[in-house]
Every structure is written in C-alpha cells, then in structure tokens.
Amino acid sequence: MFTGIVEALGTVRHAGNGRIEVEAAMAASLRPGDSVSVNGACLTVTSAAGQRFSADVMPETLRRTGLDTLRDGSPVNLERALAAGDRLGGHIVSGHVDGTGTVYALRDESNARLVVISAPASLLPMVATKGSVAVDGISLTVVDVEGSRFSVSLIPHTLRSTTAGAWVEGSVVNLEADIVARYVRRLLDAAAPAAVSGLV
C-alpha cells in the first residue's frame, strides 16, 4: 500500500525482457521482497545493491501500464510501501494500475500547471471532481471531469520533485482510480444484472 507521495526520482538503467533496473539513492534502504512503486506500479524488489535495485515485470503489468515505454535514462517516480504508523499524506494507493492515459493539454496558471488527461472509458466513471486519482504514482486531486478527459492542477513542488515536470502533450501516464471508487463501481456493476432480471 502506498500514499501517492513520491519519495524520490530514480533513473532507469535497464528495462526489457521482463525486468527493470533503477538507480536511486533510496535503493540502499531496499531489500529483496520489498514492495516499491515505480511510476505508480507496485513491483517486488528482486535484488538491491548500492544505489540500484531490480524488479521483475510480468506481462500483465506491461499490458496495464506504460512501463514498456521506459528506456535507459528514463526518470521514474519512486515510493516505498507505507509502514504501519506512517502518516497518510496523499490517499490510499494500491499500486495496481487500472490503465494508461495520455496527456492531452497543459496550461500554466499563475503558480500552477493545469494538465488535461485523456482516460479510458472504463476508468472515467471512477474519477470524480475533487476526488483523488494517482497519475504515475502521484496522488492528485481532480479539478474537473469532462467527456473522455479529466484535469489536475500541479503545484511547483510536484513539478520539481516528480516526472510531472517533464510531461508534454502525448505523454503516456499510468492511472489508478481511488480504491473506494473502484469497489463502488464493482458493486454497482454486479447489482445491475440483478436489477434488470428483476424487471423481466
């Protein structure tokens, strides 16, 4: 479990053949078996030495996320798993990415940057104005939802401390809906067939 508060930026040193290797100072605190969020995807550390750690990336993760777009030198957002007793500064993030979105537009507004993201139709019902969403593992508040897109507003600290500062139109981002919204959607979907059959 994570909070969506990015701890550090790492640099990909290898990505491919079902494995990713990342360089980051925080690697010194990781051990095999630890969970770490890489751009919002929960991965299990398989090895860690010095300032590098490695993790396996299974096909399902590649299908659901944009990790297959990472190359040597790509920056990634990193967060270690939440420890019992830690403050929950963002929102509850599972690290189970629902799908990918695409940055549609960016606009600077005073001391913030408004980012509009195109999202899959299957995910949009779980995104609500002023609700929470994780974008590349960053806990963000939704500004608005309109059609096939939603917007978020980024403060300078977020732009400096995460990969969000490098987003441009067309950037592919990992999306995770709020965990409560995910289960509400599942319950509603399960109840719908029963309601229809009751009318027959």
N, C-alpha and C. Protein backbone atom coordinates (compact mmCIF):
# COMPACT_ATOMS: atom_id res chain seq x y z
N MET A 1 0.84 -1.19 0.00
CA MET A 1 0.00 0.00 0.00
C MET A 1 0.88 1.25 0.00
N PHE A 2 0.46 2.26 -0.75
CA PHE A 2 1.23 3.48 -0.88
C PHE A 2 0.33 4.70 -0.61
N THR A 3 0.92 5.88 -0.67
CA THR A 3 0.16 7.10 -0.41
C THR A 3 0.11 8.04 -1.61
N GLY A 4 0.92 7.78 -2.62
CA GLY A 4 0.98 8.68 -3.77
C GLY A 4 1.84 9.90 -3.51
N ILE A 5 2.58 9.90 -2.41
CA ILE A 5 3.55 10.97 -2.14
C ILE A 5 4.91 10.46 -2.59
N VAL A 6 5.36 10.93 -3.74
CA VAL A 6 6.60 10.44 -4.34
C VAL A 6 7.78 10.79 -3.45
N GLU A 7 8.60 9.77 -3.15
CA GLU A 7 9.76 9.98 -2.27
C GLU A 7 11.00 10.43 -3.03
N ALA A 8 11.15 9.92 -4.24
CA ALA A 8 12.37 10.21 -4.98
C ALA A 8 12.16 9.97 -6.46
N LEU A 9 13.02 10.60 -7.25
CA LEU A 9 13.10 10.31 -8.67
C LEU A 9 14.24 9.33 -8.89
N GLY A 10 13.97 8.28 -9.65
CA GLY A 10 15.02 7.34 -10.00
C GLY A 10 15.29 7.41 -11.49
N THR A 11 16.33 6.70 -11.93
CA THR A 11 16.69 6.66 -13.34
C THR A 11 16.76 5.21 -13.79
N VAL A 12 16.05 4.89 -14.85
CA VAL A 12 16.07 3.52 -15.37
C VAL A 12 17.44 3.24 -15.99
N ARG A 13 18.02 2.11 -15.58
CA ARG A 13 19.31 1.70 -16.15
C ARG A 13 19.17 0.48 -17.05
N HIS A 14 18.04 -0.21 -16.93
CA HIS A 14 17.73 -1.31 -17.84
C HIS A 14 16.23 -1.55 -17.78
N ALA A 15 15.63 -1.79 -18.93
CA ALA A 15 14.22 -2.15 -18.99
C ALA A 15 14.01 -3.06 -20.18
N GLY A 16 13.49 -4.26 -19.92
CA GLY A 16 13.25 -5.20 -21.00
C GLY A 16 13.39 -6.62 -20.54
N ASN A 17 12.86 -7.54 -21.33
CA ASN A 17 12.94 -8.96 -21.01
C ASN A 17 12.37 -9.28 -19.62
N GLY A 18 11.30 -8.57 -19.28
CA GLY A 18 10.62 -8.86 -18.02
C GLY A 18 11.34 -8.38 -16.78
N ARG A 19 12.22 -7.41 -16.93
CA ARG A 19 12.95 -6.92 -15.77
C ARG A 19 13.22 -5.43 -15.90
N ILE A 20 13.27 -4.74 -14.77
CA ILE A 20 13.64 -3.33 -14.76
C ILE A 20 14.69 -3.11 -13.68
N GLU A 21 15.68 -2.31 -14.00
CA GLU A 21 16.71 -1.94 -13.04
C GLU A 21 16.72 -0.42 -12.92
N VAL A 22 16.66 0.06 -11.69
CA VAL A 22 16.54 1.50 -11.43
C VAL A 22 17.68 1.96 -10.52
N GLU A 23 18.22 3.11 -10.82
CA GLU A 23 19.25 3.72 -9.97
C GLU A 23 18.62 4.83 -9.16
N ALA A 24 18.79 4.78 -7.85
CA ALA A 24 18.27 5.80 -6.94
C ALA A 24 18.93 5.62 -5.58
N ALA A 25 19.15 6.74 -4.89
CA ALA A 25 19.78 6.67 -3.57
C ALA A 25 18.97 5.81 -2.61
N MET A 26 17.63 5.81 -2.74
CA MET A 26 16.79 5.07 -1.82
C MET A 26 16.97 3.56 -1.96
N ALA A 27 17.65 3.10 -3.02
CA ALA A 27 17.87 1.67 -3.20
C ALA A 27 18.62 1.07 -2.02
N ALA A 28 19.43 1.89 -1.35
CA ALA A 28 20.19 1.39 -0.20
C ALA A 28 19.29 0.94 0.94
N SER A 29 18.04 1.42 0.96
CA SER A 29 17.12 1.05 2.04
C SER A 29 16.21 -0.12 1.65
N LEU A 30 16.36 -0.64 0.43
CA LEU A 30 15.50 -1.71 -0.06
C LEU A 30 16.15 -3.08 0.11
N ARG A 31 15.29 -4.07 0.29
CA ARG A 31 15.74 -5.45 0.41
C ARG A 31 14.90 -6.32 -0.53
N PRO A 32 15.42 -7.46 -0.98
CA PRO A 32 14.61 -8.37 -1.80
C PRO A 32 13.30 -8.71 -1.10
N GLY A 33 12.20 -8.64 -1.84
CA GLY A 33 10.88 -8.89 -1.27
C GLY A 33 10.12 -7.63 -0.92
N ASP A 34 10.83 -6.49 -0.83
CA ASP A 34 10.14 -5.23 -0.54
C ASP A 34 9.28 -4.81 -1.73
N SER A 35 8.21 -4.09 -1.41
CA SER A 35 7.37 -3.51 -2.45
C SER A 35 7.80 -2.08 -2.71
N VAL A 36 7.84 -1.69 -3.96
CA VAL A 36 8.18 -0.32 -4.33
C VAL A 36 7.31 0.09 -5.50
N SER A 37 6.83 1.32 -5.46
CA SER A 37 6.02 1.86 -6.54
C SER A 37 6.94 2.54 -7.55
N VAL A 38 6.85 2.07 -8.80
CA VAL A 38 7.62 2.66 -9.89
C VAL A 38 6.61 3.26 -10.88
N ASN A 39 6.54 4.58 -10.92
CA ASN A 39 5.53 5.27 -11.73
C ASN A 39 4.12 4.75 -11.43
N GLY A 40 3.90 4.44 -10.15
CA GLY A 40 2.56 4.03 -9.72
C GLY A 40 2.29 2.55 -9.78
N ALA A 41 3.21 1.76 -10.35
CA ALA A 41 3.02 0.31 -10.42
C ALA A 41 3.78 -0.36 -9.28
N CYS A 42 3.08 -1.16 -8.50
CA CYS A 42 3.70 -1.87 -7.37
C CYS A 42 4.55 -3.02 -7.91
N LEU A 43 5.85 -2.97 -7.64
CA LEU A 43 6.77 -4.02 -8.06
C LEU A 43 7.46 -4.60 -6.84
N THR A 44 7.91 -5.84 -6.95
CA THR A 44 8.62 -6.50 -5.87
C THR A 44 10.12 -6.49 -6.17
N VAL A 45 10.88 -5.98 -5.23
CA VAL A 45 12.33 -5.90 -5.39
C VAL A 45 12.92 -7.32 -5.42
N THR A 46 13.70 -7.62 -6.44
CA THR A 46 14.35 -8.93 -6.53
C THR A 46 15.81 -8.86 -6.10
N SER A 47 16.42 -7.71 -6.28
CA SER A 47 17.80 -7.51 -5.82
C SER A 47 18.04 -6.03 -5.59
N ALA A 48 18.94 -5.73 -4.66
CA ALA A 48 19.29 -4.35 -4.37
C ALA A 48 20.73 -4.30 -3.88
N ALA A 49 21.50 -3.40 -4.47
CA ALA A 49 22.90 -3.26 -4.09
C ALA A 49 23.33 -1.84 -4.41
N GLY A 50 23.98 -1.21 -3.45
CA GLY A 50 24.42 0.17 -3.66
C GLY A 50 23.24 1.07 -3.94
N GLN A 51 23.29 1.76 -5.06
CA GLN A 51 22.21 2.68 -5.42
C GLN A 51 21.36 2.14 -6.57
N ARG A 52 21.29 0.81 -6.69
CA ARG A 52 20.45 0.22 -7.74
C ARG A 52 19.60 -0.91 -7.18
N PHE A 53 18.41 -1.04 -7.73
CA PHE A 53 17.57 -2.19 -7.41
C PHE A 53 16.93 -2.70 -8.68
N SER A 54 16.55 -3.97 -8.65
CA SER A 54 15.90 -4.60 -9.79
C SER A 54 14.57 -5.19 -9.38
N ALA A 55 13.67 -5.32 -10.33
CA ALA A 55 12.37 -5.93 -10.09
C ALA A 55 11.91 -6.63 -11.37
N ASP A 56 11.17 -7.73 -11.19
CA ASP A 56 10.57 -8.40 -12.33
C ASP A 56 9.30 -7.66 -12.74
N VAL A 57 9.02 -7.65 -14.02
CA VAL A 57 7.80 -7.01 -14.55
C VAL A 57 7.07 -8.04 -15.39
N MET A 58 5.93 -8.52 -14.90
CA MET A 58 5.22 -9.59 -15.61
C MET A 58 4.38 -9.01 -16.76
N PRO A 59 3.99 -9.87 -17.71
CA PRO A 59 3.23 -9.41 -18.87
C PRO A 59 1.96 -8.63 -18.51
N GLU A 60 1.24 -9.06 -17.46
CA GLU A 60 0.02 -8.34 -17.08
C GLU A 60 0.33 -6.90 -16.70
N THR A 61 1.44 -6.68 -16.01
CA THR A 61 1.84 -5.32 -15.64
C THR A 61 2.15 -4.50 -16.89
N LEU A 62 2.82 -5.10 -17.85
CA LEU A 62 3.15 -4.39 -19.09
C LEU A 62 1.89 -4.05 -19.88
N ARG A 63 0.89 -4.95 -19.84
CA ARG A 63 -0.36 -4.68 -20.56
C ARG A 63 -1.13 -3.52 -19.93
N ARG A 64 -1.07 -3.40 -18.61
CA ARG A 64 -1.88 -2.41 -17.89
C ARG A 64 -1.20 -1.05 -17.74
N THR A 65 0.11 -1.01 -17.87
CA THR A 65 0.86 0.21 -17.56
C THR A 65 1.65 0.69 -18.77
N GLY A 66 2.33 1.79 -18.56
CA GLY A 66 3.22 2.32 -19.59
C GLY A 66 4.67 1.99 -19.33
N LEU A 67 4.93 0.98 -18.46
CA LEU A 67 6.32 0.65 -18.15
C LEU A 67 7.08 0.16 -19.37
N ASP A 68 6.35 -0.36 -20.37
CA ASP A 68 7.05 -0.84 -21.57
C ASP A 68 7.58 0.30 -22.43
N THR A 69 7.24 1.54 -22.10
CA THR A 69 7.76 2.70 -22.84
C THR A 69 9.06 3.22 -22.23
N LEU A 70 9.44 2.69 -21.07
CA LEU A 70 10.64 3.17 -20.39
C LEU A 70 11.89 2.70 -21.12
N ARG A 71 12.89 3.57 -21.15
CA ARG A 71 14.16 3.27 -21.78
C ARG A 71 15.29 3.63 -20.83
N ASP A 72 16.51 3.21 -21.16
CA ASP A 72 17.67 3.56 -20.36
C ASP A 72 17.76 5.08 -20.25
N GLY A 73 17.76 5.57 -19.02
CA GLY A 73 17.83 7.00 -18.78
C GLY A 73 16.50 7.64 -18.45
N SER A 74 15.39 6.89 -18.61
CA SER A 74 14.07 7.44 -18.30
C SER A 74 13.95 7.72 -16.80
N PRO A 75 13.41 8.88 -16.41
CA PRO A 75 13.16 9.15 -15.00
C PRO A 75 11.89 8.45 -14.55
N VAL A 76 11.85 8.00 -13.29
CA VAL A 76 10.66 7.34 -12.76
C VAL A 76 10.39 7.83 -11.34
N ASN A 77 9.10 7.89 -10.99
CA ASN A 77 8.69 8.24 -9.63
C ASN A 77 8.80 7.01 -8.75
N LEU A 78 9.35 7.18 -7.56
CA LEU A 78 9.55 6.05 -6.64
C LEU A 78 8.92 6.34 -5.28
N GLU A 79 8.31 5.30 -4.71
CA GLU A 79 7.78 5.38 -3.35
C GLU A 79 7.86 4.00 -2.71
N ARG A 80 8.41 3.96 -1.49
CA ARG A 80 8.42 2.70 -0.76
C ARG A 80 7.04 2.45 -0.15
N ALA A 81 6.75 1.19 0.15
CA ALA A 81 5.45 0.83 0.73
C ALA A 81 5.24 1.54 2.06
N LEU A 82 3.99 1.86 2.33
CA LEU A 82 3.62 2.54 3.57
C LEU A 82 3.87 1.63 4.76
N ALA A 83 4.55 2.14 5.78
CA ALA A 83 4.78 1.38 7.01
C ALA A 83 3.68 1.69 8.03
N ALA A 84 3.34 0.71 8.84
CA ALA A 84 2.32 0.92 9.87
C ALA A 84 2.72 2.09 10.76
N GLY A 85 1.79 3.01 10.96
CA GLY A 85 2.07 4.18 11.80
C GLY A 85 2.52 5.40 11.03
N ASP A 86 2.85 5.23 9.73
CA ASP A 86 3.25 6.39 8.92
C ASP A 86 2.04 7.29 8.66
N ARG A 87 2.31 8.56 8.44
CA ARG A 87 1.25 9.50 8.09
C ARG A 87 0.79 9.24 6.65
N LEU A 88 -0.51 9.33 6.45
CA LEU A 88 -1.08 9.15 5.11
C LEU A 88 -1.26 10.53 4.50
N GLY A 89 -0.20 11.01 3.82
CA GLY A 89 -0.21 12.38 3.32
C GLY A 89 -1.01 12.56 2.05
N GLY A 90 -1.13 11.52 1.23
CA GLY A 90 -1.87 11.64 -0.02
C GLY A 90 -3.21 10.96 0.11
N HIS A 91 -3.38 9.82 -0.57
CA HIS A 91 -4.56 8.99 -0.38
C HIS A 91 -4.13 7.53 -0.52
N ILE A 92 -5.00 6.61 -0.22
CA ILE A 92 -4.63 5.20 -0.27
C ILE A 92 -4.47 4.77 -1.73
N VAL A 93 -3.26 4.34 -2.06
CA VAL A 93 -2.91 3.92 -3.41
C VAL A 93 -2.42 2.48 -3.34
N SER A 94 -3.01 1.61 -4.13
CA SER A 94 -2.65 0.19 -4.06
C SER A 94 -1.44 -0.17 -4.93
N GLY A 95 -1.16 0.65 -5.93
CA GLY A 95 -0.09 0.31 -6.86
C GLY A 95 -0.56 -0.63 -7.94
N HIS A 96 -1.88 -0.87 -8.01
CA HIS A 96 -2.46 -1.72 -9.05
C HIS A 96 -3.08 -0.80 -10.10
N VAL A 97 -2.32 -0.52 -11.13
CA VAL A 97 -2.70 0.44 -12.16
C VAL A 97 -3.92 -0.05 -12.94
N ASP A 98 -4.91 0.84 -13.12
CA ASP A 98 -6.13 0.49 -13.86
C ASP A 98 -5.93 0.56 -15.36
N GLY A 99 -5.04 1.42 -15.80
CA GLY A 99 -4.80 1.58 -17.23
C GLY A 99 -3.94 2.81 -17.48
N THR A 100 -3.73 3.12 -18.74
CA THR A 100 -2.92 4.29 -19.08
C THR A 100 -3.78 5.40 -19.66
N GLY A 101 -3.32 6.61 -19.48
CA GLY A 101 -3.95 7.77 -20.08
C GLY A 101 -2.91 8.53 -20.90
N THR A 102 -3.35 9.57 -21.57
CA THR A 102 -2.45 10.38 -22.40
C THR A 102 -2.65 11.85 -22.05
N VAL A 103 -1.54 12.55 -21.84
CA VAL A 103 -1.62 13.99 -21.58
C VAL A 103 -2.15 14.66 -22.84
N TYR A 104 -3.30 15.32 -22.70
CA TYR A 104 -3.97 15.94 -23.84
C TYR A 104 -3.58 17.41 -24.00
N ALA A 105 -3.45 18.12 -22.88
CA ALA A 105 -3.12 19.55 -22.93
C ALA A 105 -2.52 19.98 -21.60
N LEU A 106 -1.71 21.04 -21.66
CA LEU A 106 -1.12 21.63 -20.45
C LEU A 106 -1.26 23.14 -20.54
N ARG A 107 -1.53 23.77 -19.40
CA ARG A 107 -1.66 25.22 -19.39
C ARG A 107 -1.18 25.77 -18.04
N ASP A 108 -0.22 26.68 -18.08
CA ASP A 108 0.26 27.30 -16.85
C ASP A 108 -0.74 28.33 -16.37
N GLU A 109 -1.01 28.30 -15.06
CA GLU A 109 -1.94 29.23 -14.43
C GLU A 109 -1.28 29.78 -13.17
N SER A 110 -0.77 31.00 -13.24
CA SER A 110 -0.11 31.61 -12.09
C SER A 110 0.98 30.67 -11.58
N ASN A 111 0.83 30.14 -10.33
CA ASN A 111 1.87 29.28 -9.77
C ASN A 111 1.55 27.80 -9.92
N ALA A 112 0.67 27.44 -10.84
CA ALA A 112 0.29 26.04 -11.03
C ALA A 112 0.25 25.70 -12.52
N ARG A 113 0.21 24.40 -12.79
CA ARG A 113 0.08 23.94 -14.17
C ARG A 113 -1.13 23.01 -14.26
N LEU A 114 -2.08 23.39 -15.09
CA LEU A 114 -3.27 22.56 -15.31
C LEU A 114 -2.94 21.53 -16.39
N VAL A 115 -3.20 20.27 -16.07
CA VAL A 115 -2.93 19.18 -17.01
C VAL A 115 -4.22 18.45 -17.31
N VAL A 116 -4.56 18.34 -18.59
CA VAL A 116 -5.75 17.62 -19.03
C VAL A 116 -5.31 16.26 -19.55
N ILE A 117 -5.95 15.19 -19.05
CA ILE A 117 -5.54 13.83 -19.40
C ILE A 117 -6.71 13.07 -20.02
N SER A 118 -6.47 12.47 -21.17
CA SER A 118 -7.45 11.58 -21.79
C SER A 118 -7.35 10.22 -21.10
N ALA A 119 -8.50 9.66 -20.74
CA ALA A 119 -8.50 8.41 -19.98
C ALA A 119 -9.41 7.39 -20.63
N PRO A 120 -9.18 6.09 -20.36
CA PRO A 120 -10.05 5.05 -20.91
C PRO A 120 -11.48 5.19 -20.40
N ALA A 121 -12.45 4.85 -21.25
CA ALA A 121 -13.86 4.94 -20.86
C ALA A 121 -14.17 4.09 -19.64
N SER A 122 -13.47 2.97 -19.48
CA SER A 122 -13.71 2.08 -18.35
C SER A 122 -13.29 2.69 -17.02
N LEU A 123 -12.38 3.66 -17.06
CA LEU A 123 -11.86 4.26 -15.83
C LEU A 123 -12.60 5.54 -15.44
N LEU A 124 -13.09 6.28 -16.40
CA LEU A 124 -13.68 7.59 -16.14
C LEU A 124 -14.83 7.59 -15.13
N PRO A 125 -15.71 6.56 -15.08
CA PRO A 125 -16.76 6.58 -14.07
C PRO A 125 -16.23 6.54 -12.64
N MET A 126 -14.95 6.18 -12.47
CA MET A 126 -14.36 6.12 -11.13
C MET A 126 -13.56 7.38 -10.80
N VAL A 127 -13.63 8.38 -11.68
CA VAL A 127 -12.94 9.65 -11.47
C VAL A 127 -13.98 10.73 -11.23
N ALA A 128 -13.85 11.45 -10.11
CA ALA A 128 -14.85 12.45 -9.74
C ALA A 128 -14.19 13.79 -9.45
N THR A 129 -14.87 14.86 -9.80
CA THR A 129 -14.38 16.20 -9.49
C THR A 129 -14.12 16.34 -8.00
N LYS A 130 -12.92 16.81 -7.67
CA LYS A 130 -12.42 16.98 -6.30
C LYS A 130 -12.14 15.65 -5.60
N GLY A 131 -12.21 14.55 -6.35
CA GLY A 131 -11.81 13.26 -5.82
C GLY A 131 -10.32 13.06 -6.03
N SER A 132 -9.82 11.89 -5.62
CA SER A 132 -8.40 11.59 -5.75
C SER A 132 -8.14 10.64 -6.91
N VAL A 133 -6.97 10.80 -7.52
CA VAL A 133 -6.53 9.91 -8.58
C VAL A 133 -5.00 9.84 -8.51
N ALA A 134 -4.44 8.68 -8.82
CA ALA A 134 -2.99 8.56 -8.88
C ALA A 134 -2.56 8.56 -10.34
N VAL A 135 -1.68 9.49 -10.68
CA VAL A 135 -1.16 9.61 -12.05
C VAL A 135 0.34 9.39 -11.99
N ASP A 136 0.82 8.30 -12.61
CA ASP A 136 2.22 7.90 -12.49
C ASP A 136 2.65 7.81 -11.03
N GLY A 137 1.71 7.36 -10.18
CA GLY A 137 2.01 7.18 -8.77
C GLY A 137 1.93 8.43 -7.93
N ILE A 138 1.52 9.55 -8.52
CA ILE A 138 1.41 10.82 -7.80
C ILE A 138 -0.04 11.00 -7.35
N SER A 139 -0.25 11.21 -6.07
CA SER A 139 -1.59 11.48 -5.55
C SER A 139 -2.01 12.89 -5.94
N LEU A 140 -3.09 12.99 -6.73
CA LEU A 140 -3.55 14.29 -7.21
C LEU A 140 -5.05 14.44 -7.00
N THR A 141 -5.48 15.69 -6.90
CA THR A 141 -6.91 16.00 -6.77
C THR A 141 -7.45 16.37 -8.14
N VAL A 142 -8.57 15.76 -8.50
CA VAL A 142 -9.19 16.03 -9.80
C VAL A 142 -9.83 17.41 -9.79
N VAL A 143 -9.51 18.21 -10.78
CA VAL A 143 -10.10 19.54 -10.92
C VAL A 143 -11.49 19.42 -11.55
N ASP A 144 -11.55 18.67 -12.66
CA ASP A 144 -12.82 18.57 -13.39
C ASP A 144 -12.80 17.31 -14.24
N VAL A 145 -13.98 16.83 -14.57
CA VAL A 145 -14.13 15.70 -15.49
C VAL A 145 -15.08 16.14 -16.60
N GLU A 146 -14.65 15.97 -17.83
CA GLU A 146 -15.49 16.38 -18.96
C GLU A 146 -15.27 15.44 -20.12
N GLY A 147 -16.33 14.79 -20.57
CA GLY A 147 -16.22 13.87 -21.69
C GLY A 147 -15.27 12.74 -21.39
N SER A 148 -14.28 12.56 -22.25
CA SER A 148 -13.31 11.47 -22.09
C SER A 148 -12.04 11.92 -21.39
N ARG A 149 -12.10 13.08 -20.73
CA ARG A 149 -10.90 13.64 -20.11
C ARG A 149 -11.16 14.14 -18.69
N PHE A 150 -10.10 14.21 -17.92
CA PHE A 150 -10.16 14.86 -16.60
C PHE A 150 -8.92 15.74 -16.46
N SER A 151 -8.99 16.69 -15.55
CA SER A 151 -7.86 17.60 -15.35
C SER A 151 -7.39 17.59 -13.91
N VAL A 152 -6.10 17.87 -13.73
CA VAL A 152 -5.49 18.01 -12.43
C VAL A 152 -4.64 19.27 -12.45
N SER A 153 -4.37 19.83 -11.27
CA SER A 153 -3.55 21.03 -11.18
C SER A 153 -2.32 20.73 -10.34
N LEU A 154 -1.14 21.09 -10.84
CA LEU A 154 0.12 20.73 -10.20
C LEU A 154 0.82 21.96 -9.63
N ILE A 155 1.24 21.87 -8.38
CA ILE A 155 1.99 22.95 -7.75
C ILE A 155 3.46 22.84 -8.14
N PRO A 156 4.25 23.91 -7.96
CA PRO A 156 5.66 23.86 -8.34
C PRO A 156 6.44 22.73 -7.68
N HIS A 157 6.16 22.40 -6.42
CA HIS A 157 6.88 21.31 -5.75
C HIS A 157 6.69 19.99 -6.49
N THR A 158 5.47 19.71 -6.90
CA THR A 158 5.19 18.47 -7.64
C THR A 158 5.92 18.47 -8.98
N LEU A 159 5.94 19.60 -9.65
CA LEU A 159 6.62 19.69 -10.95
C LEU A 159 8.13 19.48 -10.80
N ARG A 160 8.69 19.95 -9.68
CA ARG A 160 10.13 19.79 -9.45
C ARG A 160 10.50 18.39 -8.98
N SER A 161 9.64 17.77 -8.19
CA SER A 161 10.00 16.56 -7.46
C SER A 161 9.55 15.26 -8.13
N THR A 162 8.83 15.35 -9.22
CA THR A 162 8.31 14.16 -9.89
C THR A 162 8.51 14.26 -11.40
N THR A 163 8.11 13.21 -12.08
CA THR A 163 8.21 13.21 -13.55
C THR A 163 7.20 14.15 -14.19
N ALA A 164 6.25 14.66 -13.41
CA ALA A 164 5.20 15.52 -13.96
C ALA A 164 5.77 16.77 -14.62
N GLY A 165 6.91 17.24 -14.15
CA GLY A 165 7.51 18.43 -14.73
C GLY A 165 7.96 18.23 -16.17
N ALA A 166 8.13 16.97 -16.56
CA ALA A 166 8.58 16.67 -17.93
C ALA A 166 7.43 16.24 -18.84
N TRP A 167 6.20 16.18 -18.31
CA TRP A 167 5.07 15.79 -19.16
C TRP A 167 4.87 16.79 -20.28
N VAL A 168 4.56 16.27 -21.45
CA VAL A 168 4.22 17.10 -22.61
C VAL A 168 2.98 16.48 -23.24
N GLU A 169 2.40 17.17 -24.20
CA GLU A 169 1.26 16.60 -24.91
C GLU A 169 1.66 15.27 -25.54
N GLY A 170 0.87 14.24 -25.26
CA GLY A 170 1.18 12.92 -25.79
C GLY A 170 1.86 11.99 -24.81
N SER A 171 2.32 12.53 -23.67
CA SER A 171 2.96 11.67 -22.67
C SER A 171 1.97 10.61 -22.19
N VAL A 172 2.44 9.36 -22.09
CA VAL A 172 1.63 8.27 -21.57
C VAL A 172 1.84 8.17 -20.07
N VAL A 173 0.73 8.12 -19.31
CA VAL A 173 0.82 8.10 -17.85
C VAL A 173 -0.01 6.94 -17.30
N ASN A 174 0.46 6.38 -16.18
CA ASN A 174 -0.28 5.32 -15.50
C ASN A 174 -1.36 5.92 -14.63
N LEU A 175 -2.55 5.32 -14.66
CA LEU A 175 -3.68 5.84 -13.89
C LEU A 175 -4.21 4.79 -12.93
N GLU A 176 -4.45 5.21 -11.70
CA GLU A 176 -5.12 4.35 -10.71
C GLU A 176 -6.24 5.15 -10.06
N ALA A 177 -7.46 4.65 -10.20
CA ALA A 177 -8.61 5.31 -9.59
C ALA A 177 -8.56 5.12 -8.08
N ASP A 178 -9.27 6.00 -7.38
CA ASP A 178 -9.40 5.88 -5.93
C ASP A 178 -9.95 4.50 -5.59
N ILE A 179 -9.36 3.85 -4.60
CA ILE A 179 -9.73 2.46 -4.28
C ILE A 179 -11.19 2.34 -3.85
N VAL A 180 -11.73 3.35 -3.17
CA VAL A 180 -13.14 3.31 -2.78
C VAL A 180 -14.03 3.36 -4.02
N ALA A 181 -13.69 4.24 -4.96
CA ALA A 181 -14.47 4.35 -6.21
C ALA A 181 -14.43 3.04 -6.98
N ARG A 182 -13.28 2.36 -6.95
CA ARG A 182 -13.14 1.09 -7.66
C ARG A 182 -14.13 0.05 -7.13
N TYR A 183 -14.25 -0.05 -5.81
CA TYR A 183 -15.15 -1.05 -5.24
C TYR A 183 -16.62 -0.66 -5.37
N VAL A 184 -16.90 0.64 -5.30
CA VAL A 184 -18.28 1.08 -5.53
C VAL A 184 -18.70 0.73 -6.95
N ARG A 185 -17.82 0.97 -7.92
CA ARG A 185 -18.11 0.64 -9.31
C ARG A 185 -18.35 -0.86 -9.47
N ARG A 186 -17.54 -1.67 -8.80
CA ARG A 186 -17.69 -3.13 -8.89
C ARG A 186 -19.04 -3.56 -8.32
N LEU A 187 -19.44 -2.99 -7.20
CA LEU A 187 -20.72 -3.33 -6.59
C LEU A 187 -21.89 -2.92 -7.48
N LEU A 188 -21.79 -1.73 -8.09
CA LEU A 188 -22.85 -1.28 -8.98
C LEU A 188 -22.96 -2.15 -10.22
N ASP A 189 -21.81 -2.55 -10.78
CA ASP A 189 -21.82 -3.42 -11.95
C ASP A 189 -22.43 -4.77 -11.62
N ALA A 190 -22.12 -5.28 -10.42
CA ALA A 190 -22.65 -6.59 -10.01
C ALA A 190 -24.15 -6.52 -9.75
N ALA A 191 -24.62 -5.37 -9.26
CA ALA A 191 -26.03 -5.22 -8.92
C ALA A 191 -26.88 -4.97 -10.15
N ALA A 192 -26.32 -4.40 -11.21
CA ALA A 192 -27.08 -4.05 -12.40
C ALA A 192 -27.79 -5.23 -13.07
N PRO A 193 -27.13 -6.37 -13.30
CA PRO A 193 -27.81 -7.51 -13.93
C PRO A 193 -28.98 -8.02 -13.08
N ALA A 194 -28.78 -8.00 -11.75
CA ALA A 194 -29.83 -8.47 -10.86
C ALA A 194 -31.05 -7.55 -10.94
N ALA A 195 -30.79 -6.25 -11.04
CA ALA A 195 -31.90 -5.29 -11.13
C ALA A 195 -32.66 -5.46 -12.44
N VAL A 196 -31.94 -5.71 -13.52
CA VAL A 196 -32.57 -5.90 -14.83
C VAL A 196 -33.40 -7.17 -14.84
N SER A 197 -32.85 -8.27 -14.28
CA SER A 197 -33.57 -9.55 -14.27
C SER A 197 -34.84 -9.46 -13.43
N GLY A 198 -34.82 -8.57 -12.44
CA GLY A 198 -36.00 -8.41 -11.59
C GLY A 198 -37.13 -7.73 -12.31
N LEU A 199 -36.82 -7.06 -13.42
CA LEU A 199 -37.85 -6.37 -14.19
C LEU A 199 -38.50 -7.27 -15.24
N VAL A 200 -37.85 -8.40 -15.49
CA VAL A 200 -38.33 -9.31 -16.53
C VAL A 200 -39.46 -10.18 -16.02
